């Protein structure tokens, strides 16, 4: 099986990431671009595809990751449109409407923030994470519990307002 901190690769779609948690056969990992994914353990391997191992450090620097004191790369956590799955869309849809309205208002007031309503799913999830300080992984854990999600995000919004 896999251990936390280990780099793994998906057998079919050439995605890779660092294992964050293993729960039974479910493996949660973070890609170099910060996107958090989960897969069945049988879909992953610890052996990189040919040519991938040597290219990994260069890819990290290209993507804007920075070296940490332990010399492991710390990923920049931004979703892109390419990363979006139906699960991301379900998570966004489960954010309470009033919470989304508050986030949109805060986002729209930022200089050069643009309109929240014009953002794609990735942009909205990135804005929600930035404004509420609730990471996507936590949002995913509260999928189906909009009340809990709203409380967590509301606290983040209130903390943000207290800082300004």
N, C-alpha and C. Protein backbone atom coordinates (compact mmCIF):
# COMPACT_ATOMS: atom_id res chain seq x y z
N UNK A 1 0.85 -1.18 0.00
CA UNK A 1 0.00 0.00 0.00
C UNK A 1 0.89 1.24 0.00
N UNK A 2 0.28 2.39 0.00
CA UNK A 2 1.00 3.66 -0.10
C UNK A 2 1.08 4.32 1.27
N UNK A 3 2.07 5.18 1.43
CA UNK A 3 2.21 5.88 2.71
C UNK A 3 2.16 7.39 2.47
N UNK A 4 1.82 8.13 3.51
CA UNK A 4 1.74 9.59 3.42
C UNK A 4 3.09 10.15 3.01
N UNK A 5 3.07 11.12 2.12
CA UNK A 5 4.29 11.76 1.64
C UNK A 5 4.90 11.08 0.42
N UNK A 6 4.38 9.93 0.05
CA UNK A 6 4.92 9.18 -1.09
C UNK A 6 4.32 9.71 -2.40
N UNK A 7 5.14 9.81 -3.44
CA UNK A 7 4.64 10.20 -4.77
C UNK A 7 4.07 8.96 -5.45
N UNK A 8 2.87 9.12 -6.02
CA UNK A 8 2.21 8.03 -6.75
C UNK A 8 1.72 8.55 -8.10
N UNK A 9 1.49 7.63 -9.03
CA UNK A 9 1.02 7.95 -10.37
C UNK A 9 -0.24 7.17 -10.66
N UNK A 10 -1.17 7.80 -11.37
CA UNK A 10 -2.37 7.11 -11.83
C UNK A 10 -1.98 6.26 -13.03
N UNK A 11 -2.47 5.05 -13.08
CA UNK A 11 -2.06 4.12 -14.13
C UNK A 11 -2.55 4.53 -15.51
N UNK A 12 -3.71 5.17 -15.60
CA UNK A 12 -4.32 5.42 -16.91
C UNK A 12 -4.15 6.84 -17.43
N UNK A 13 -4.26 7.85 -16.56
CA UNK A 13 -4.30 9.21 -17.10
C UNK A 13 -3.07 10.06 -16.79
N UNK A 14 -2.00 9.47 -16.37
CA UNK A 14 -0.71 10.13 -16.17
C UNK A 14 -0.74 11.27 -15.16
N UNK A 15 -1.66 11.25 -14.23
CA UNK A 15 -1.65 12.22 -13.14
C UNK A 15 -0.76 11.66 -12.03
N UNK A 16 -0.17 12.55 -11.28
CA UNK A 16 0.63 12.11 -10.15
C UNK A 16 0.43 13.08 -9.00
N UNK A 17 0.84 12.66 -7.82
CA UNK A 17 0.72 13.53 -6.67
C UNK A 17 1.34 12.90 -5.44
N UNK A 18 1.30 13.65 -4.37
CA UNK A 18 1.84 13.21 -3.09
C UNK A 18 0.68 12.72 -2.23
N UNK A 19 0.83 11.52 -1.68
CA UNK A 19 -0.22 10.94 -0.85
C UNK A 19 -0.38 11.77 0.42
N UNK A 20 -1.62 12.19 0.69
CA UNK A 20 -1.93 12.94 1.90
C UNK A 20 -2.55 12.06 2.97
N UNK A 21 -3.33 11.06 2.50
CA UNK A 21 -4.05 10.21 3.45
C UNK A 21 -4.46 8.93 2.73
N UNK A 22 -4.50 7.84 3.49
CA UNK A 22 -5.00 6.58 2.97
C UNK A 22 -6.11 6.13 3.91
N UNK A 23 -7.28 5.88 3.32
CA UNK A 23 -8.44 5.46 4.11
C UNK A 23 -8.98 4.18 3.47
N UNK A 24 -8.56 3.05 3.99
CA UNK A 24 -8.93 1.78 3.39
C UNK A 24 -8.28 1.67 2.02
N UNK A 25 -9.10 1.50 0.99
CA UNK A 25 -8.57 1.43 -0.38
C UNK A 25 -8.58 2.79 -1.07
N UNK A 26 -9.07 3.83 -0.39
CA UNK A 26 -9.13 5.17 -0.96
C UNK A 26 -7.84 5.91 -0.63
N UNK A 27 -7.20 6.48 -1.65
CA UNK A 27 -5.95 7.21 -1.47
C UNK A 27 -6.20 8.66 -1.87
N UNK A 28 -5.93 9.58 -0.95
CA UNK A 28 -6.10 11.01 -1.18
C UNK A 28 -4.73 11.60 -1.47
N UNK A 29 -4.63 12.34 -2.58
CA UNK A 29 -3.34 12.91 -2.95
C UNK A 29 -3.49 14.33 -3.42
N UNK A 30 -2.36 15.05 -3.43
CA UNK A 30 -2.31 16.42 -3.91
C UNK A 30 -1.37 16.44 -5.09
N UNK A 31 -1.87 16.95 -6.23
CA UNK A 31 -1.03 17.08 -7.42
C UNK A 31 -0.08 18.25 -7.23
N UNK A 32 0.92 18.36 -8.12
CA UNK A 32 1.90 19.43 -8.04
C UNK A 32 1.26 20.81 -8.18
N UNK A 33 0.11 20.89 -8.84
CA UNK A 33 -0.56 22.18 -9.00
C UNK A 33 -1.51 22.49 -7.84
N UNK A 34 -1.52 21.62 -6.81
CA UNK A 34 -2.33 21.85 -5.62
C UNK A 34 -3.70 21.22 -5.63
N UNK A 35 -4.10 20.61 -6.73
CA UNK A 35 -5.41 20.00 -6.81
C UNK A 35 -5.42 18.72 -5.99
N UNK A 36 -6.43 18.58 -5.16
CA UNK A 36 -6.57 17.39 -4.33
C UNK A 36 -7.51 16.41 -5.01
N UNK A 37 -7.06 15.16 -5.13
CA UNK A 37 -7.84 14.10 -5.78
C UNK A 37 -7.87 12.88 -4.90
N UNK A 38 -8.80 11.98 -5.18
CA UNK A 38 -8.78 10.69 -4.50
C UNK A 38 -9.05 9.59 -5.51
N UNK A 39 -8.39 8.45 -5.30
CA UNK A 39 -8.49 7.32 -6.21
C UNK A 39 -8.54 6.03 -5.41
N UNK A 40 -9.03 4.98 -6.04
CA UNK A 40 -8.93 3.65 -5.49
C UNK A 40 -7.46 3.26 -5.57
N UNK A 41 -6.95 2.58 -4.56
CA UNK A 41 -5.54 2.21 -4.52
C UNK A 41 -5.13 1.39 -5.74
N UNK A 42 -6.03 0.60 -6.28
CA UNK A 42 -5.71 -0.22 -7.45
C UNK A 42 -5.46 0.59 -8.71
N UNK A 43 -5.89 1.86 -8.73
CA UNK A 43 -5.68 2.72 -9.89
C UNK A 43 -4.33 3.43 -9.85
N UNK A 44 -3.59 3.27 -8.75
CA UNK A 44 -2.34 4.00 -8.57
C UNK A 44 -1.14 3.07 -8.54
N UNK A 45 0.01 3.64 -8.83
CA UNK A 45 1.26 2.90 -8.77
C UNK A 45 2.34 3.81 -8.20
N UNK A 46 3.35 3.22 -7.59
CA UNK A 46 4.47 4.00 -7.07
C UNK A 46 5.59 4.09 -8.10
N UNK A 47 5.40 3.47 -9.25
CA UNK A 47 6.40 3.48 -10.31
C UNK A 47 6.04 4.54 -11.34
N UNK A 48 6.93 5.51 -11.57
CA UNK A 48 6.61 6.56 -12.54
C UNK A 48 6.61 6.02 -13.97
N UNK A 49 5.80 6.63 -14.84
CA UNK A 49 5.86 6.26 -16.25
C UNK A 49 7.25 6.60 -16.80
N UNK A 50 7.63 5.96 -17.85
CA UNK A 50 8.95 6.17 -18.43
C UNK A 50 9.18 7.65 -18.75
N UNK A 51 10.30 8.19 -18.29
CA UNK A 51 10.64 9.58 -18.54
C UNK A 51 10.02 10.58 -17.57
N UNK A 52 9.11 10.14 -16.74
CA UNK A 52 8.40 11.05 -15.83
C UNK A 52 9.25 11.41 -14.61
N UNK A 53 10.00 10.49 -14.07
CA UNK A 53 10.75 10.73 -12.83
C UNK A 53 11.76 11.86 -12.98
N UNK A 54 12.47 11.90 -14.08
CA UNK A 54 13.48 12.93 -14.28
C UNK A 54 12.85 14.30 -14.53
N UNK A 55 11.67 14.31 -15.10
CA UNK A 55 11.02 15.57 -15.45
C UNK A 55 10.28 16.20 -14.28
N UNK A 56 9.98 15.45 -13.22
CA UNK A 56 9.15 15.95 -12.13
C UNK A 56 9.69 17.22 -11.47
N UNK A 57 10.97 17.30 -11.06
CA UNK A 57 11.44 18.53 -10.41
C UNK A 57 11.34 19.75 -11.33
N UNK A 58 11.62 19.59 -12.61
CA UNK A 58 11.53 20.72 -13.53
C UNK A 58 10.08 21.18 -13.67
N UNK A 59 9.14 20.23 -13.71
CA UNK A 59 7.74 20.59 -13.81
C UNK A 59 7.28 21.39 -12.60
N UNK A 60 7.78 21.02 -11.41
CA UNK A 60 7.40 21.75 -10.20
C UNK A 60 7.82 23.20 -10.29
N UNK A 61 9.03 23.46 -10.75
CA UNK A 61 9.51 24.83 -10.83
C UNK A 61 8.75 25.61 -11.90
N UNK A 62 8.41 24.94 -13.03
CA UNK A 62 7.64 25.60 -14.07
C UNK A 62 6.27 26.02 -13.56
N UNK A 63 5.68 25.22 -12.69
CA UNK A 63 4.32 25.47 -12.21
C UNK A 63 4.28 26.43 -11.04
N UNK A 64 5.43 26.89 -10.58
CA UNK A 64 5.44 27.90 -9.54
C UNK A 64 5.55 27.35 -8.13
N UNK A 65 5.88 26.08 -7.98
CA UNK A 65 6.05 25.54 -6.64
C UNK A 65 7.35 26.09 -6.08
N UNK A 66 7.40 26.22 -4.78
CA UNK A 66 8.60 26.74 -4.14
C UNK A 66 9.20 25.67 -3.25
N UNK A 67 10.50 25.73 -3.08
CA UNK A 67 11.16 24.74 -2.24
C UNK A 67 10.96 25.09 -0.78
N UNK A 68 10.68 24.09 0.02
CA UNK A 68 10.51 24.29 1.44
C UNK A 68 11.81 23.93 2.15
N UNK A 69 11.95 24.21 3.44
CA UNK A 69 13.17 23.88 4.13
C UNK A 69 13.52 22.39 4.03
N UNK A 70 12.53 21.54 3.93
CA UNK A 70 12.82 20.12 3.83
C UNK A 70 13.16 19.72 2.40
N UNK A 71 13.27 20.69 1.51
CA UNK A 71 13.57 20.55 0.09
C UNK A 71 12.50 19.80 -0.68
N UNK A 72 11.34 19.56 -0.07
CA UNK A 72 10.21 19.04 -0.82
C UNK A 72 9.46 20.22 -1.37
N UNK A 73 8.85 20.04 -2.52
CA UNK A 73 8.10 21.13 -3.14
C UNK A 73 6.78 21.34 -2.43
N UNK A 74 6.43 22.58 -2.21
CA UNK A 74 5.14 22.93 -1.64
C UNK A 74 4.29 23.43 -2.81
N UNK A 75 3.21 22.75 -3.15
CA UNK A 75 2.46 23.13 -4.34
C UNK A 75 1.68 24.42 -4.16
N UNK A 76 1.53 25.12 -5.27
CA UNK A 76 0.66 26.27 -5.31
C UNK A 76 -0.74 25.72 -5.51
N UNK A 77 -1.68 26.07 -4.66
CA UNK A 77 -3.00 25.43 -4.66
C UNK A 77 -4.02 26.26 -5.44
N UNK A 78 -4.03 26.10 -6.73
CA UNK A 78 -5.02 26.77 -7.57
C UNK A 78 -5.60 25.75 -8.53
N UNK A 79 -6.91 25.68 -8.58
CA UNK A 79 -7.57 24.80 -9.55
C UNK A 79 -7.58 25.48 -10.91
N UNK A 80 -7.54 24.69 -11.95
CA UNK A 80 -7.70 25.19 -13.31
C UNK A 80 -8.91 24.50 -13.92
N UNK A 81 -9.41 25.04 -15.02
CA UNK A 81 -10.57 24.44 -15.69
C UNK A 81 -10.31 22.99 -16.07
N UNK A 82 -9.07 22.67 -16.37
CA UNK A 82 -8.70 21.31 -16.76
C UNK A 82 -8.83 20.31 -15.60
N UNK A 83 -8.73 20.80 -14.38
CA UNK A 83 -8.78 19.94 -13.20
C UNK A 83 -10.20 19.57 -12.78
N UNK A 84 -11.18 20.29 -13.27
CA UNK A 84 -12.55 20.17 -12.78
C UNK A 84 -13.18 18.83 -13.17
N UNK A 85 -13.80 18.21 -12.18
CA UNK A 85 -14.52 16.96 -12.35
C UNK A 85 -15.98 17.19 -11.92
N UNK A 86 -16.85 16.23 -12.18
CA UNK A 86 -18.23 16.38 -11.69
C UNK A 86 -18.29 16.56 -10.17
N UNK A 87 -17.34 15.97 -9.44
CA UNK A 87 -17.33 16.14 -7.99
C UNK A 87 -17.13 17.62 -7.62
N UNK A 88 -16.24 18.32 -8.31
CA UNK A 88 -16.03 19.74 -8.04
C UNK A 88 -17.32 20.52 -8.24
N UNK A 89 -18.04 20.17 -9.31
CA UNK A 89 -19.31 20.85 -9.58
C UNK A 89 -20.34 20.57 -8.49
N UNK A 90 -20.37 19.33 -7.97
CA UNK A 90 -21.29 19.00 -6.87
C UNK A 90 -20.93 19.77 -5.60
N UNK A 91 -19.64 19.89 -5.34
CA UNK A 91 -19.21 20.63 -4.15
C UNK A 91 -19.64 22.09 -4.27
N UNK A 92 -19.40 22.69 -5.43
CA UNK A 92 -19.81 24.09 -5.63
C UNK A 92 -21.33 24.24 -5.48
N UNK A 93 -22.07 23.30 -6.03
CA UNK A 93 -23.54 23.37 -5.95
C UNK A 93 -24.05 23.21 -4.52
N UNK A 94 -23.25 22.60 -3.65
CA UNK A 94 -23.71 22.38 -2.28
C UNK A 94 -23.40 23.56 -1.35
N UNK A 95 -22.69 24.57 -1.84
CA UNK A 95 -22.44 25.76 -1.02
C UNK A 95 -23.75 26.52 -0.90
N UNK A 96 -24.18 26.84 0.32
CA UNK A 96 -25.46 27.54 0.50
C UNK A 96 -25.51 28.85 -0.29
N UNK A 97 -26.68 29.16 -0.81
CA UNK A 97 -26.88 30.33 -1.67
C UNK A 97 -26.47 31.62 -0.97
N UNK A 98 -26.89 31.79 0.27
CA UNK A 98 -26.53 33.04 0.99
C UNK A 98 -25.03 33.16 1.19
N UNK A 99 -24.38 32.04 1.41
CA UNK A 99 -22.93 32.06 1.56
C UNK A 99 -22.29 32.47 0.24
N UNK A 100 -22.77 31.90 -0.87
CA UNK A 100 -22.26 32.27 -2.19
C UNK A 100 -22.48 33.75 -2.47
N UNK A 101 -23.61 34.27 -2.06
CA UNK A 101 -23.89 35.69 -2.27
C UNK A 101 -22.91 36.57 -1.51
N UNK A 102 -22.61 36.18 -0.27
CA UNK A 102 -21.65 36.95 0.53
C UNK A 102 -20.25 36.87 -0.08
N UNK A 103 -19.87 35.69 -0.54
CA UNK A 103 -18.56 35.51 -1.17
C UNK A 103 -18.49 36.33 -2.46
N UNK A 104 -19.56 36.29 -3.26
CA UNK A 104 -19.59 37.04 -4.51
C UNK A 104 -19.44 38.54 -4.24
N UNK A 105 -20.13 39.03 -3.22
CA UNK A 105 -20.04 40.46 -2.89
C UNK A 105 -18.62 40.85 -2.50
N UNK A 106 -17.98 40.02 -1.68
CA UNK A 106 -16.60 40.30 -1.28
C UNK A 106 -15.66 40.21 -2.49
N UNK A 107 -15.86 39.22 -3.32
CA UNK A 107 -15.01 39.04 -4.50
C UNK A 107 -15.15 40.23 -5.46
N UNK A 108 -16.38 40.66 -5.69
CA UNK A 108 -16.63 41.73 -6.65
C UNK A 108 -16.07 43.07 -6.19
N UNK A 109 -15.88 43.24 -4.89
CA UNK A 109 -15.34 44.51 -4.35
C UNK A 109 -13.82 44.58 -4.43
N UNK A 110 -13.18 43.44 -4.69
CA UNK A 110 -11.72 43.44 -4.76
C UNK A 110 -11.26 44.14 -6.03
N UNK A 111 -10.14 44.87 -5.94
CA UNK A 111 -9.60 45.49 -7.16
C UNK A 111 -9.17 44.40 -8.14
N UNK A 112 -9.54 44.55 -9.37
CA UNK A 112 -9.20 43.61 -10.44
C UNK A 112 -9.72 42.20 -10.19
N UNK A 113 -10.73 42.09 -9.35
CA UNK A 113 -11.29 40.77 -9.05
C UNK A 113 -12.26 40.29 -10.10
N UNK A 114 -12.81 41.22 -10.88
CA UNK A 114 -13.82 40.84 -11.85
C UNK A 114 -15.12 40.47 -11.16
N UNK A 115 -16.03 39.93 -11.92
CA UNK A 115 -17.33 39.52 -11.38
C UNK A 115 -17.31 38.05 -11.04
N UNK A 116 -17.73 37.72 -9.84
CA UNK A 116 -17.77 36.33 -9.38
C UNK A 116 -18.64 35.48 -10.31
N UNK A 117 -19.75 36.05 -10.75
CA UNK A 117 -20.69 35.32 -11.60
C UNK A 117 -20.11 34.91 -12.94
N UNK A 118 -19.06 35.57 -13.39
CA UNK A 118 -18.47 35.23 -14.69
C UNK A 118 -17.37 34.17 -14.58
N UNK A 119 -16.99 33.80 -13.36
CA UNK A 119 -15.93 32.80 -13.17
C UNK A 119 -16.43 31.41 -13.51
N UNK A 120 -15.52 30.56 -13.97
CA UNK A 120 -15.87 29.15 -14.18
C UNK A 120 -15.82 28.43 -12.84
N UNK A 121 -16.09 27.15 -12.82
CA UNK A 121 -16.14 26.37 -11.57
C UNK A 121 -14.81 26.47 -10.83
N UNK A 122 -13.71 26.33 -11.55
CA UNK A 122 -12.39 26.40 -10.91
C UNK A 122 -12.17 27.77 -10.27
N UNK A 123 -12.50 28.83 -11.00
CA UNK A 123 -12.33 30.18 -10.47
C UNK A 123 -13.19 30.43 -9.25
N UNK A 124 -14.42 29.93 -9.28
CA UNK A 124 -15.30 30.11 -8.12
C UNK A 124 -14.78 29.36 -6.91
N UNK A 125 -14.35 28.10 -7.11
CA UNK A 125 -13.82 27.34 -5.97
C UNK A 125 -12.55 27.97 -5.42
N UNK A 126 -11.69 28.50 -6.30
CA UNK A 126 -10.48 29.19 -5.84
C UNK A 126 -10.85 30.44 -5.03
N UNK A 127 -11.83 31.20 -5.52
CA UNK A 127 -12.26 32.41 -4.81
C UNK A 127 -12.88 32.06 -3.47
N UNK A 128 -13.71 31.02 -3.44
CA UNK A 128 -14.33 30.59 -2.18
C UNK A 128 -13.26 30.21 -1.17
N UNK A 129 -12.26 29.45 -1.62
CA UNK A 129 -11.19 29.03 -0.71
C UNK A 129 -10.42 30.24 -0.20
N UNK A 130 -10.11 31.17 -1.08
CA UNK A 130 -9.35 32.35 -0.68
C UNK A 130 -10.13 33.24 0.29
N UNK A 131 -11.40 33.45 0.01
CA UNK A 131 -12.20 34.37 0.83
C UNK A 131 -12.59 33.75 2.17
N UNK A 132 -12.93 32.46 2.17
CA UNK A 132 -13.41 31.82 3.40
C UNK A 132 -12.33 31.11 4.18
N UNK A 133 -11.18 30.90 3.54
CA UNK A 133 -10.09 30.13 4.14
C UNK A 133 -10.52 28.69 4.44
N UNK A 134 -11.45 28.17 3.65
CA UNK A 134 -11.89 26.77 3.77
C UNK A 134 -11.35 26.04 2.55
N UNK A 135 -10.38 25.13 2.74
CA UNK A 135 -9.80 24.43 1.59
C UNK A 135 -10.81 23.50 0.91
N UNK A 136 -10.55 23.23 -0.36
CA UNK A 136 -11.45 22.38 -1.13
C UNK A 136 -11.66 21.03 -0.44
N UNK A 137 -10.63 20.48 0.12
CA UNK A 137 -10.74 19.17 0.77
C UNK A 137 -11.79 19.20 1.88
N UNK A 138 -11.82 20.29 2.64
CA UNK A 138 -12.82 20.43 3.70
C UNK A 138 -14.20 20.60 3.10
N UNK A 139 -14.29 21.37 2.01
CA UNK A 139 -15.58 21.52 1.34
C UNK A 139 -16.10 20.15 0.91
N UNK A 140 -15.21 19.35 0.35
CA UNK A 140 -15.59 18.02 -0.13
C UNK A 140 -16.05 17.13 1.02
N UNK A 141 -15.42 17.26 2.18
CA UNK A 141 -15.81 16.46 3.34
C UNK A 141 -17.21 16.82 3.82
N UNK A 142 -17.64 18.04 3.57
CA UNK A 142 -18.96 18.49 4.02
C UNK A 142 -19.99 18.48 2.89
N UNK A 143 -19.66 17.81 1.79
CA UNK A 143 -20.60 17.66 0.69
C UNK A 143 -21.85 16.96 1.22
N UNK A 144 -22.99 17.51 0.96
CA UNK A 144 -24.24 16.94 1.47
C UNK A 144 -24.64 17.49 2.82
N UNK A 145 -23.81 18.35 3.40
CA UNK A 145 -24.11 19.01 4.68
C UNK A 145 -23.97 20.52 4.50
N UNK A 146 -24.86 21.13 3.73
CA UNK A 146 -24.70 22.55 3.45
C UNK A 146 -24.73 23.43 4.70
N UNK A 147 -25.44 22.99 5.73
CA UNK A 147 -25.47 23.78 6.96
C UNK A 147 -24.09 23.87 7.61
N UNK A 148 -23.40 22.74 7.70
CA UNK A 148 -22.05 22.74 8.26
C UNK A 148 -21.09 23.53 7.38
N UNK A 149 -21.24 23.33 6.06
CA UNK A 149 -20.37 24.05 5.14
C UNK A 149 -20.60 25.55 5.27
N UNK A 150 -21.85 25.96 5.37
CA UNK A 150 -22.18 27.37 5.52
C UNK A 150 -21.60 27.95 6.80
N UNK A 151 -21.64 27.18 7.89
CA UNK A 151 -21.06 27.66 9.15
C UNK A 151 -19.55 27.85 9.04
N UNK A 152 -18.88 26.88 8.45
CA UNK A 152 -17.43 26.99 8.29
C UNK A 152 -17.06 28.20 7.44
N UNK A 153 -17.77 28.35 6.33
CA UNK A 153 -17.47 29.46 5.42
C UNK A 153 -17.87 30.79 6.03
N UNK A 154 -18.99 30.81 6.75
CA UNK A 154 -19.42 32.03 7.42
C UNK A 154 -18.39 32.50 8.44
N UNK A 155 -17.79 31.56 9.15
CA UNK A 155 -16.74 31.92 10.11
C UNK A 155 -15.55 32.53 9.37
N UNK A 156 -15.17 31.93 8.25
CA UNK A 156 -14.07 32.46 7.45
C UNK A 156 -14.35 33.86 6.94
N UNK A 157 -15.59 34.08 6.50
CA UNK A 157 -15.98 35.41 6.02
C UNK A 157 -15.96 36.42 7.16
N UNK A 158 -16.47 36.03 8.32
CA UNK A 158 -16.48 36.94 9.47
C UNK A 158 -15.06 37.26 9.91
N UNK A 159 -14.19 36.26 9.94
CA UNK A 159 -12.79 36.50 10.31
C UNK A 159 -12.13 37.45 9.32
N UNK A 160 -12.46 37.29 8.05
CA UNK A 160 -11.88 38.15 7.01
C UNK A 160 -12.36 39.59 7.21
N UNK A 161 -13.63 39.78 7.53
CA UNK A 161 -14.16 41.13 7.74
C UNK A 161 -13.54 41.77 8.98
N UNK A 162 -13.26 40.94 10.00
CA UNK A 162 -12.64 41.47 11.22
C UNK A 162 -11.24 41.98 10.96
N UNK A 163 -10.55 41.39 9.97
CA UNK A 163 -9.18 41.78 9.65
C UNK A 163 -9.11 43.08 8.86
N UNK A 164 -10.21 43.44 8.22
CA UNK A 164 -10.19 44.66 7.39
C UNK A 164 -10.64 45.87 8.13
